[in-house]
Amino acid sequence: MATGGKDRTAREARERARVYEARREFHESQQRRRVRDNWIAGIAGGALIVALFGSQYVYFTMGPGAPSPAPTSTSTPTPVETTTPTPEPTPTDTGSPTPTPTS
């Protein structure tokens, strides 16, 4: 009856190995799924940003946000030249020099 203990020990070891292998596979599959989900989220986020910029561009260039063309006049006004009179030099009365007194 000594062999009954060995069978139980071997069975428990096989069970632990099976559970360990199942946990390891589960962890690896979770890791692969996280990487895949991150790629999908990155691509979807990038596409969303490109779509947002594209829609803003279309709205403000061709849609209701586009500025309406303002009418411009076809004739240009001619500039009026204004002449300012140049001042004439005023004559100064310069007489003879005053003599200096001598003592």
Protein backbone atom coordinates (compact mmCIF):
# COMPACT_ATOMS: atom_id res chain seq x y z
CA MET A 1 0.00 0.00 0.00
CA ALA A 2 2.93 2.29 -0.17
CA THR A 3 2.28 2.93 -3.87
CA GLY A 4 -0.96 4.82 -3.12
CA GLY A 5 1.03 7.83 -1.89
CA LYS A 6 3.12 7.96 -5.04
CA ASP A 7 0.08 7.94 -7.28
CA ARG A 8 -1.49 10.77 -5.36
CA THR A 9 1.73 12.80 -5.46
CA ALA A 10 2.16 12.23 -9.18
CA ARG A 11 -1.49 13.09 -9.83
CA GLU A 12 -1.16 16.34 -7.84
CA ALA A 13 2.04 17.21 -9.74
CA ARG A 14 0.30 16.62 -13.08
CA GLU A 15 -2.63 18.80 -11.93
CA ARG A 16 -0.28 21.62 -10.85
CA ALA A 17 1.56 21.40 -14.20
CA ARG A 18 -1.75 21.49 -16.09
CA VAL A 19 -3.00 24.51 -14.13
CA TYR A 20 0.35 26.26 -14.55
CA GLU A 21 0.34 25.67 -18.30
CA ALA A 22 -3.27 26.88 -18.56
CA ARG A 23 -2.43 30.10 -16.67
CA ARG A 24 0.66 30.69 -18.82
CA GLU A 25 -1.32 30.27 -22.05
CA PHE A 26 -4.08 32.53 -20.73
CA HIS A 27 -1.53 35.22 -19.83
CA GLU A 28 0.10 35.02 -23.29
CA SER A 29 -3.27 35.27 -25.03
CA GLN A 30 -4.20 38.29 -22.88
CA GLN A 31 -0.90 39.95 -23.79
CA ARG A 32 -1.45 39.34 -27.53
CA ARG A 33 -4.99 40.70 -27.25
CA ARG A 34 -3.75 43.86 -25.48
CA VAL A 35 -1.17 44.50 -28.19
CA ARG A 36 -3.77 43.94 -30.92
CA ASP A 37 -6.27 46.23 -29.16
CA ASN A 38 -3.64 48.95 -28.81
CA TRP A 39 -2.88 48.79 -32.53
CA ILE A 40 -6.56 48.97 -33.41
CA ALA A 41 -7.12 51.91 -31.05
CA GLY A 42 -4.10 53.77 -32.45
CA ILE A 43 -5.20 53.32 -36.04
CA ALA A 44 -8.80 54.28 -35.23
CA GLY A 45 -7.63 57.34 -33.26
CA GLY A 46 -5.37 58.46 -36.11
CA ALA A 47 -8.18 58.03 -38.62
CA LEU A 48 -10.49 60.04 -36.36
CA ILE A 49 -8.00 62.90 -36.11
CA VAL A 50 -7.49 62.94 -39.90
CA ALA A 51 -11.28 62.95 -40.39
CA LEU A 52 -11.69 65.84 -37.95
CA PHE A 53 -9.07 67.97 -39.68
CA GLY A 54 -10.52 67.11 -43.07
CA SER A 55 -14.04 68.05 -42.05
CA GLN A 56 -12.83 71.36 -40.58
CA TYR A 57 -11.00 72.12 -43.82
CA VAL A 58 -14.04 71.35 -45.95
CA TYR A 59 -16.38 73.30 -43.67
CA PHE A 60 -14.27 76.45 -43.69
CA THR A 61 -13.33 76.38 -47.38
CA MET A 62 -16.43 75.10 -49.18
CA GLY A 63 -19.21 74.81 -46.61
CA PRO A 64 -21.25 77.30 -44.61
CA GLY A 65 -18.16 78.49 -42.76
CA ALA A 66 -16.55 79.79 -45.97
CA PRO A 67 -16.36 83.57 -46.21
CA SER A 68 -18.74 85.01 -48.76
CA PRO A 69 -17.09 86.98 -51.55
CA ALA A 70 -17.37 90.72 -50.99
CA PRO A 71 -18.10 92.94 -53.99
CA THR A 72 -15.28 95.21 -55.03
CA SER A 73 -15.54 98.36 -57.04
CA THR A 74 -14.11 98.14 -60.50
CA SER A 75 -13.20 101.81 -60.86
CA THR A 76 -10.44 103.18 -58.79
CA PRO A 77 -10.70 106.76 -57.66
CA THR A 78 -8.05 109.04 -59.08
CA PRO A 79 -5.98 110.72 -56.44
CA VAL A 80 -6.41 114.48 -56.25
CA GLU A 81 -3.16 116.33 -56.18
CA THR A 82 -3.09 119.15 -53.75
CA THR A 83 -0.38 121.68 -54.21
CA THR A 84 0.87 123.46 -51.20
CA PRO A 85 2.33 126.87 -51.86
CA THR A 86 5.97 127.12 -51.06
CA PRO A 87 6.76 130.04 -48.83
CA GLU A 88 8.71 132.86 -50.41
CA PRO A 89 11.80 134.04 -48.61
CA THR A 90 11.21 137.27 -46.80
CA PRO A 91 13.68 140.07 -47.41
CA THR A 92 15.55 141.20 -44.39
CA ASP A 93 16.65 144.76 -43.95
CA THR A 94 20.34 144.50 -43.51
CA GLY A 95 21.84 147.87 -43.21
CA SER A 96 25.39 148.84 -42.67
CA PRO A 97 27.15 147.35 -39.75
CA THR A 98 27.13 149.40 -36.62
CA PRO A 99 30.44 150.83 -35.69
CA THR A 100 31.96 149.84 -32.42
CA PRO A 101 32.85 152.72 -30.13
CA THR A 102 36.53 153.29 -29.54
CA SER A 103 37.79 154.97 -26.46
